[in-house]
């Protein structure tokens, strides 16, 4: 039986974030092969974390900058190691190279941190984002982690192109893997246009793009209420800080609801999902949930990026506050526009997010690399060079911290 070790930046919270849902899909893909899977993380456990044992996945708490991991990983002796975000590869990748040199190393980027941070910096500086913003220290670290791994999972088609065009990453090291949806479990019928009411949005408040979207909605919502005086906006998300709950205003219909035990239920109850994202990366779980529950969405070009290819969006894409508000009102009031958006969602899910096809392609890719791992690594000379002792600052920093802590 193959052994898989997943090293998580955080413990999976599928009800809190799209990243948590995506991680659970990856764990299920491994388990579907009857492989033994263990999830290890140095993060603190949380109230909303998934019970991994119920999914046949064992768990282990590990320490940063500590040789105890060496004994642990030597004993477990995995065939495949997957790092959740590049920071985990920096911390533990060199230890895997040393103690499990034949293990296939996979990096699950979730989204490109360098892209998200560059866009955030541009937004804070109130200027347009340009690709020159990408050449940051974070980019150097993240691309180095990609090159040191045998395979990196890229969630967005936009980011696949960016890695090839801007950073010249060899396509053999990359695999496009968006969110995986079990089409067989999709609801056959959801609430009708007349059974739904109001607007909603959802997203972890700790995620900077989500919090910025809430602040942006403070500007957009009065434009919607001007046309729909009795409408309400229900804002859901885990870990709302006091500055978020302070925005709760029943008089204006701007309602901070906080944690949603069932994201699909609250999505289905709404007539329109709003997602005015002004920066970010990857693809957006809330917009996929909207497609699944047949809830039309209004989002920005950033929100829809890498999600629909040449297919029509299941809603409307607008970038200015007034046009965004007008689109939201149109979807809320016009049943024909609403129903057309639902049809677009159905097509998009079937063509781009079929779990059965996506999981098979992923496992096939891993199996192909495993069949000739030596040749795969020889073709990636840059990656081998980055493992040379002169480049291994993360190893020596970790060892220095460990020695200092003693």
Protein backbone atom coordinates (compact mmCIF):
# COMPACT_ATOMS: atom_id res chain seq x y z
CA UNK A 1 0.00 0.00 0.00
CA UNK A 2 1.35 3.40 -0.98
CA UNK A 3 1.82 5.87 1.85
CA UNK A 4 0.94 9.54 1.39
CA UNK A 5 1.98 12.29 3.79
CA UNK A 6 0.26 15.66 3.48
CA UNK A 7 1.94 18.50 5.36
CA UNK A 8 -0.66 21.16 5.99
CA UNK A 9 -0.16 24.86 6.58
CA UNK A 10 -3.44 24.73 8.52
CA UNK A 11 -5.87 21.98 9.49
CA UNK A 12 -8.60 21.58 6.84
CA UNK A 13 -11.79 23.57 7.45
CA UNK A 14 -14.05 22.83 4.47
CA UNK A 15 -16.91 24.83 5.99
CA UNK A 16 -14.66 27.87 6.46
CA UNK A 17 -12.68 28.16 3.26
CA UNK A 18 -12.39 26.96 -0.32
CA UNK A 19 -8.84 25.88 0.47
CA UNK A 20 -10.19 23.51 3.10
CA UNK A 21 -12.70 22.04 0.65
CA UNK A 22 -10.01 21.61 -2.00
CA UNK A 23 -7.70 19.89 0.47
CA UNK A 24 -10.41 17.42 1.42
CA UNK A 25 -10.95 16.65 -2.29
CA UNK A 26 -7.24 15.86 -2.64
CA UNK A 27 -7.28 13.62 0.42
CA UNK A 28 -10.30 11.77 -0.99
CA UNK A 29 -8.51 11.34 -4.35
CA UNK A 30 -5.60 9.65 -2.57
CA UNK A 31 -7.88 7.52 -0.41
CA UNK A 32 -9.85 6.41 -3.49
CA UNK A 33 -6.68 4.58 -4.59
CA UNK A 34 -6.72 2.65 -1.28
CA UNK A 35 -3.52 4.48 -0.32
CA UNK A 36 -2.68 5.14 3.32
CA UNK A 37 -2.95 8.88 3.99
CA UNK A 38 -1.71 10.88 6.95
CA UNK A 39 -2.19 14.62 7.44
CA UNK A 40 0.42 16.40 9.56
CA UNK A 41 0.52 20.05 10.51
CA UNK A 42 2.40 22.39 12.87
CA UNK A 43 -0.69 24.62 13.12
CA UNK A 44 -2.92 24.89 16.15
CA UNK A 45 -6.11 22.86 15.97
CA UNK A 46 -9.32 24.83 15.55
CA UNK A 47 -13.00 24.54 16.42
CA UNK A 48 -14.08 24.25 12.78
CA UNK A 49 -11.46 21.74 11.59
CA UNK A 50 -12.61 18.56 9.86
CA UNK A 51 -12.55 15.23 11.67
CA UNK A 52 -10.04 13.54 9.37
CA UNK A 53 -10.38 10.12 10.96
CA UNK A 54 -13.96 9.96 9.66
CA UNK A 55 -12.47 10.13 6.16
CA UNK A 56 -9.94 7.38 6.77
CA UNK A 57 -7.09 9.85 7.17
CA UNK A 58 -4.81 9.72 10.19
CA UNK A 59 -3.36 12.91 11.67
CA UNK A 60 -0.19 13.99 13.39
CA UNK A 61 0.98 17.21 15.02
CA UNK A 62 4.50 18.19 13.98
CA UNK A 63 6.89 20.93 15.08
CA UNK A 64 8.61 23.64 13.11
CA UNK A 65 12.41 23.88 13.17
CA UNK A 66 12.76 20.63 15.08
CA UNK A 67 14.60 17.42 14.27
CA UNK A 68 11.72 15.44 15.81
CA UNK A 69 10.21 15.59 12.32
CA UNK A 70 13.21 13.64 10.99
CA UNK A 71 12.47 10.69 13.26
CA UNK A 72 8.76 10.92 12.48
CA UNK A 73 9.10 10.96 8.70
CA UNK A 74 11.78 8.26 8.69
CA UNK A 75 9.42 5.98 10.61
CA UNK A 76 6.38 6.78 8.45
CA UNK A 77 8.50 6.52 5.27
CA UNK A 78 6.03 8.00 2.75
CA UNK A 79 6.04 7.28 -0.99
CA UNK A 80 4.37 10.63 -1.73
CA UNK A 81 4.65 13.89 0.20
CA UNK A 82 2.35 16.79 -0.57
CA UNK A 83 3.07 20.25 0.83
CA UNK A 84 0.16 22.61 1.46
CA UNK A 85 1.51 25.96 0.20
CA UNK A 86 5.13 26.82 -0.46
CA UNK A 87 5.93 27.73 3.16
CA UNK A 88 5.58 24.10 4.17
CA UNK A 89 7.95 23.03 1.39
CA UNK A 90 10.48 25.59 2.65
CA UNK A 91 10.19 24.27 6.18
CA UNK A 92 10.08 20.53 5.57
CA UNK A 93 11.16 19.92 1.97
CA UNK A 94 14.87 19.62 2.72
CA UNK A 95 14.13 17.16 5.50
CA UNK A 96 12.14 15.01 3.05
CA UNK A 97 15.05 15.16 0.57
CA UNK A 98 17.40 13.97 3.29
CA UNK A 99 15.34 11.22 4.91
CA UNK A 100 12.93 10.14 2.11
CA UNK A 101 14.84 10.97 -1.10
CA UNK A 102 12.70 8.69 -3.27
CA UNK A 103 9.36 10.17 -2.17
CA UNK A 104 7.53 12.12 -4.87
CA UNK A 105 7.25 15.74 -3.76
CA UNK A 106 4.02 17.54 -4.68
CA UNK A 107 3.29 21.19 -3.94
CA UNK A 108 -0.35 22.20 -3.61
CA UNK A 109 -0.14 25.95 -4.18
CA UNK A 110 -3.89 26.56 -3.51
CA UNK A 111 -3.33 29.88 -5.25
CA UNK A 112 -0.16 31.74 -6.13
CA UNK A 113 0.75 33.71 -3.03
CA UNK A 114 3.03 35.97 -5.06
CA UNK A 115 0.15 36.96 -7.35
CA UNK A 116 -2.26 37.59 -4.50
CA UNK A 117 0.29 39.67 -2.55
CA UNK A 118 1.35 41.68 -5.61
CA UNK A 119 -2.25 42.57 -6.37
CA UNK A 120 -2.88 43.44 -2.73
CA UNK A 121 0.14 45.76 -2.66
CA UNK A 122 -1.01 47.47 -5.86
CA UNK A 123 -4.52 47.87 -4.45
CA UNK A 124 -3.21 49.40 -1.20
CA UNK A 125 -1.09 51.80 -3.26
CA UNK A 126 -4.19 52.71 -5.32
CA UNK A 127 -2.57 51.88 -8.63
CA UNK A 128 -3.08 49.33 -11.37
CA UNK A 129 -1.41 45.94 -10.98
CA UNK A 130 1.33 45.13 -13.49
CA UNK A 131 3.29 41.94 -14.02
CA UNK A 132 6.45 43.71 -12.87
CA UNK A 133 4.86 43.65 -9.40
CA UNK A 134 5.32 39.89 -9.43
CA UNK A 135 9.10 40.02 -9.17
CA UNK A 136 9.07 40.09 -5.37
CA UNK A 137 10.86 38.16 -2.66
CA UNK A 138 7.71 36.08 -2.15
CA UNK A 139 7.73 35.18 -5.85
CA UNK A 140 11.37 34.08 -5.65
CA UNK A 141 10.57 31.87 -2.68
CA UNK A 142 7.38 30.44 -4.19
CA UNK A 143 8.86 29.72 -7.63
CA UNK A 144 11.91 28.14 -5.98
CA UNK A 145 9.59 25.80 -4.04
CA UNK A 146 7.78 24.89 -7.28
CA UNK A 147 11.09 24.09 -8.96
CA UNK A 148 12.29 21.96 -6.04
CA UNK A 149 9.17 19.77 -6.23
CA UNK A 150 8.39 17.03 -8.73
CA UNK A 151 4.91 18.40 -9.40
CA UNK A 152 2.96 21.51 -8.42
CA UNK A 153 -0.82 21.71 -8.46
CA UNK A 154 -2.13 24.95 -9.97
CA UNK A 155 -5.79 25.73 -9.40
CA UNK A 156 -6.29 28.42 -12.04
CA UNK A 157 -5.80 28.37 -15.80
CA UNK A 158 -4.68 32.01 -15.53
CA UNK A 159 -1.93 31.01 -13.10
CA UNK A 160 -0.83 28.15 -15.36
CA UNK A 161 -0.26 30.67 -18.14
CA UNK A 162 1.43 33.13 -15.80
CA UNK A 163 3.94 30.55 -14.57
CA UNK A 164 4.84 29.67 -18.14
CA UNK A 165 4.91 33.20 -19.58
CA UNK A 166 6.38 35.23 -16.70
CA UNK A 167 8.51 32.71 -14.82
CA UNK A 168 9.29 30.21 -17.62
CA UNK A 169 8.41 27.19 -15.47
CA UNK A 170 8.59 23.90 -17.35
CA UNK A 171 5.07 22.60 -18.01
CA UNK A 172 6.19 19.10 -16.95
CA UNK A 173 6.39 20.39 -13.37
CA UNK A 174 2.85 21.78 -13.36
CA UNK A 175 -0.61 20.26 -13.28
CA UNK A 176 -3.83 22.25 -13.64
CA UNK A 177 -6.24 21.01 -10.97
CA UNK A 178 -9.27 23.22 -10.22
CA UNK A 179 -11.90 22.44 -7.61
CA UNK A 180 -13.32 18.96 -8.00
CA UNK A 181 -17.12 18.62 -7.94
CA UNK A 182 -18.92 15.30 -7.64
CA UNK A 183 -21.45 15.81 -10.44
CA UNK A 184 -23.47 12.78 -9.31
CA UNK A 185 -24.22 14.49 -5.98
CA UNK A 186 -25.36 17.80 -7.44
CA UNK A 187 -28.88 18.76 -6.34
CA UNK A 188 -31.39 17.86 -9.04
CA UNK A 189 -33.60 20.75 -8.02
CA UNK A 190 -33.00 23.91 -6.01
CA UNK A 191 -35.32 26.67 -4.83
CA UNK A 192 -37.06 28.55 -7.60
CA UNK A 193 -36.73 32.24 -8.43
CA UNK A 194 -39.87 33.08 -6.44
CA UNK A 195 -38.84 30.95 -3.44
CA UNK A 196 -35.57 32.86 -3.04
CA UNK A 197 -35.03 36.33 -1.69
CA UNK A 198 -32.32 38.87 -0.95
CA UNK A 199 -28.57 38.89 -1.65
CA UNK A 200 -25.71 37.10 0.06
CA UNK A 201 -21.96 36.76 0.15
CA UNK A 202 -19.71 34.39 2.06
CA UNK A 203 -16.02 34.09 2.87
CA UNK A 204 -13.54 33.63 5.70
CA UNK A 205 -13.04 37.07 7.27
CA UNK A 206 -9.37 36.29 7.91
CA UNK A 207 -8.74 36.18 4.16
CA UNK A 208 -7.76 39.72 3.09
CA UNK A 209 -9.58 39.70 -0.30
CA UNK A 210 -12.83 38.66 1.43
CA UNK A 211 -12.59 41.41 4.04
CA UNK A 212 -11.85 43.98 1.34
CA UNK A 213 -14.92 42.76 -0.57
CA UNK A 214 -17.08 43.41 2.50
CA UNK A 215 -15.68 46.94 2.74
CA UNK A 216 -16.31 47.44 -0.99
CA UNK A 217 -19.90 46.27 -0.52
CA UNK A 218 -20.33 49.18 1.90
CA UNK A 219 -19.98 51.37 -1.19
CA UNK A 220 -22.02 49.18 -3.54
CA UNK A 221 -24.91 48.28 -1.24
CA UNK A 222 -26.46 51.79 -1.03
CA UNK A 223 -26.62 51.80 -4.85
CA UNK A 224 -28.60 48.55 -4.73
CA UNK A 225 -30.85 49.67 -1.88
CA UNK A 226 -31.66 52.83 -3.78
CA UNK A 227 -33.34 50.62 -6.40
CA UNK A 228 -34.56 47.90 -4.00
CA UNK A 229 -35.41 49.66 -0.68
CA UNK A 230 -36.43 46.47 1.17
CA UNK A 231 -33.60 44.23 0.00
CA UNK A 232 -31.17 42.63 2.46
CA UNK A 233 -27.55 41.57 2.11
CA UNK A 234 -26.62 38.57 4.26
CA UNK A 235 -22.86 38.39 4.86
CA UNK A 236 -21.58 35.02 6.08
CA UNK A 237 -18.09 33.92 7.01
CA UNK A 238 -16.02 32.33 9.74
CA UNK A 239 -14.01 34.30 12.28
CA UNK A 240 -15.71 37.72 11.93
CA UNK A 241 -13.65 40.31 13.88
CA UNK A 242 -15.26 43.12 15.91
CA UNK A 243 -14.62 45.57 13.05
CA UNK A 244 -16.83 43.35 10.87
CA UNK A 245 -19.67 42.85 13.34
CA UNK A 246 -19.66 46.63 13.87
CA UNK A 247 -20.88 46.99 10.28
CA UNK A 248 -24.11 45.09 11.06
CA UNK A 249 -26.98 47.49 10.29
CA UNK A 250 -30.56 46.17 10.17
CA UNK A 251 -31.87 49.60 9.11
CA UNK A 252 -29.97 49.45 5.83
CA UNK A 253 -30.28 45.66 5.40
CA UNK A 254 -26.50 45.19 5.68
CA UNK A 255 -26.45 42.11 7.91
CA UNK A 256 -23.30 40.43 9.26
CA UNK A 257 -24.42 36.84 9.84
CA UNK A 258 -21.04 35.30 10.68
CA UNK A 259 -20.43 31.56 10.65
CA UNK A 260 -22.71 29.48 8.40
CA UNK A 261 -23.04 25.86 9.48
CA UNK A 262 -24.22 24.95 5.97
CA UNK A 263 -22.85 27.20 3.22
CA UNK A 264 -24.94 25.47 0.57
CA UNK A 265 -28.17 26.09 2.44
CA UNK A 266 -27.64 29.83 2.85
CA UNK A 267 -26.45 30.03 -0.76
CA UNK A 268 -29.66 28.37 -2.00
CA UNK A 269 -31.90 30.69 0.00
CA UNK A 270 -30.48 33.78 -1.73
CA UNK A 271 -31.54 35.00 -5.13
CA UNK A 272 -28.11 36.46 -6.00
CA UNK A 273 -24.56 35.94 -4.71
CA UNK A 274 -22.35 39.05 -4.65
CA UNK A 275 -18.56 38.78 -4.84
CA UNK A 276 -16.93 42.15 -5.63
CA UNK A 277 -13.31 41.04 -5.30
CA UNK A 278 -10.71 43.70 -6.06
CA UNK A 279 -7.59 41.57 -5.62
CA UNK A 280 -6.72 37.93 -5.02
CA UNK A 281 -5.60 34.84 -6.87
CA UNK A 282 -6.66 31.26 -7.57
CA UNK A 283 -10.33 30.50 -8.13
CA UNK A 284 -13.17 31.31 -5.80
CA UNK A 285 -14.96 28.68 -3.77
CA UNK A 286 -17.97 30.87 -3.05
CA UNK A 287 -18.59 31.27 -6.78
CA UNK A 288 -18.35 27.53 -7.31
CA UNK A 289 -20.82 26.98 -4.45
CA UNK A 290 -23.13 29.46 -6.17
CA UNK A 291 -22.96 27.40 -9.38
CA UNK A 292 -23.66 24.19 -7.45
CA UNK A 293 -26.74 25.68 -5.77
CA UNK A 294 -27.85 27.38 -9.02
CA UNK A 295 -27.51 30.83 -7.49
CA UNK A 296 -26.55 33.47 -10.10
CA UNK A 297 -23.58 35.60 -9.11
CA UNK A 298 -22.27 39.06 -9.76
CA UNK A 299 -18.50 39.31 -9.54
CA UNK A 300 -15.52 41.18 -10.93
CA UNK A 301 -12.96 40.14 -13.53
CA UNK A 302 -10.69 39.15 -10.62
CA UNK A 303 -13.47 37.00 -9.16
CA UNK A 304 -14.18 35.14 -12.39
CA UNK A 305 -10.53 34.82 -13.43
CA UNK A 306 -9.48 31.32 -14.44
CA UNK A 307 -12.91 29.87 -13.72
CA UNK A 308 -14.91 29.78 -16.95
CA UNK A 309 -12.59 29.82 -19.97
CA UNK A 310 -14.59 30.70 -23.07
CA UNK A 311 -17.93 29.74 -21.53
CA UNK A 312 -20.45 32.41 -20.48
CA UNK A 313 -20.44 33.37 -16.80
CA UNK A 314 -23.39 32.11 -14.69
CA UNK A 315 -24.37 35.65 -13.82
CA UNK A 316 -22.75 38.97 -14.66
CA UNK A 317 -19.18 40.30 -14.47
CA UNK A 318 -18.78 44.02 -13.69
CA UNK A 319 -15.97 46.08 -12.17
CA UNK A 320 -17.39 49.53 -11.34
CA UNK A 321 -19.67 50.03 -8.29
CA UNK A 322 -22.64 51.37 -10.25
CA UNK A 323 -22.49 48.73 -12.99
CA UNK A 324 -22.04 46.03 -10.34
CA UNK A 325 -25.12 47.31 -8.50
CA UNK A 326 -27.18 47.48 -11.70
CA UNK A 327 -26.22 43.89 -12.57
CA UNK A 328 -27.20 42.73 -9.08
CA UNK A 329 -30.61 44.38 -9.39
CA UNK A 330 -31.17 42.92 -12.86
CA UNK A 331 -30.48 39.36 -11.71
CA UNK A 332 -32.63 39.89 -8.63
CA UNK A 333 -35.62 41.28 -10.54
CA UNK A 334 -35.58 39.65 -13.98
CA UNK A 335 -36.48 35.95 -13.90
CA UNK A 336 -35.39 35.35 -17.50
CA UNK A 337 -31.87 36.66 -16.78
CA UNK A 338 -31.84 34.59 -13.57
CA UNK A 339 -32.79 31.35 -15.38
CA UNK A 340 -30.24 31.92 -18.14
CA UNK A 341 -27.51 32.28 -15.52
CA UNK A 342 -28.57 28.96 -14.00
CA UNK A 343 -28.19 27.23 -17.38
CA UNK A 344 -24.69 28.64 -17.73
CA UNK A 345 -23.78 27.27 -14.29
CA UNK A 346 -24.86 23.76 -15.25
CA UNK A 347 -22.72 23.77 -18.41
CA UNK A 348 -19.70 25.18 -16.62
CA UNK A 349 -19.76 22.58 -13.85
CA UNK A 350 -19.97 19.70 -16.31
CA UNK A 351 -17.20 20.91 -18.59
CA UNK A 352 -14.61 22.27 -16.12
CA UNK A 353 -15.21 20.78 -12.65
CA UNK A 354 -15.99 17.08 -13.05
CA UNK A 355 -14.35 15.37 -10.06
CA UNK A 356 -14.18 11.95 -11.75
CA UNK A 357 -12.16 13.24 -14.69
CA UNK A 358 -10.01 15.67 -12.71
CA UNK A 359 -9.06 13.14 -10.01
CA UNK A 360 -8.17 10.51 -12.62
CA UNK A 361 -5.91 12.90 -14.52
CA UNK A 362 -4.18 13.89 -11.30
CA UNK A 363 -3.52 10.33 -10.14
CA UNK A 364 -2.40 9.35 -13.65
CA UNK A 365 0.11 12.22 -13.60
CA UNK A 366 1.52 11.17 -10.23
CA UNK A 367 1.76 7.55 -11.37
CA UNK A 368 3.56 8.55 -14.57
CA UNK A 369 6.14 10.57 -12.62
CA UNK A 370 6.63 7.70 -10.19
CA UNK A 371 7.29 5.29 -13.08
CA UNK A 372 10.44 7.22 -14.08
CA UNK A 373 11.23 9.56 -11.22
CA UNK A 374 14.96 9.70 -11.91
CA UNK A 375 14.46 10.87 -15.51
CA UNK A 376 11.82 13.38 -14.40
CA UNK A 377 14.24 14.91 -11.92
CA UNK A 378 17.16 14.90 -14.35
CA UNK A 379 15.08 17.00 -16.73
CA UNK A 380 14.64 19.59 -13.97
CA UNK A 381 18.23 20.72 -13.51
CA UNK A 382 17.20 24.06 -12.02
CA UNK A 383 15.31 22.24 -9.31
CA UNK A 384 18.31 20.07 -8.54
CA UNK A 385 20.52 23.15 -8.44
CA UNK A 386 18.21 24.78 -5.89
CA UNK A 387 18.78 21.80 -3.60
CA UNK A 388 22.55 22.33 -3.63
CA UNK A 389 23.97 23.20 -0.23
CA UNK A 390 24.78 26.78 -1.29
CA UNK A 391 21.08 27.41 -1.91
CA UNK A 392 19.64 25.75 1.19
CA UNK A 393 19.22 28.76 3.45
CA UNK A 394 15.89 27.41 4.78
CA UNK A 395 17.66 24.30 6.10
CA UNK A 396 20.42 26.19 7.85
CA UNK A 397 18.03 28.78 9.26
CA UNK A 398 15.85 25.98 10.68
CA UNK A 399 18.85 24.28 12.22
CA UNK A 400 20.07 27.57 13.68
CA UNK A 401 16.63 28.22 15.22
CA UNK A 402 16.55 24.68 16.65
CA UNK A 403 20.01 25.10 18.18
CA UNK A 404 19.07 28.51 19.55
CA UNK A 405 15.90 27.11 21.14
CA UNK A 406 17.92 24.53 23.00
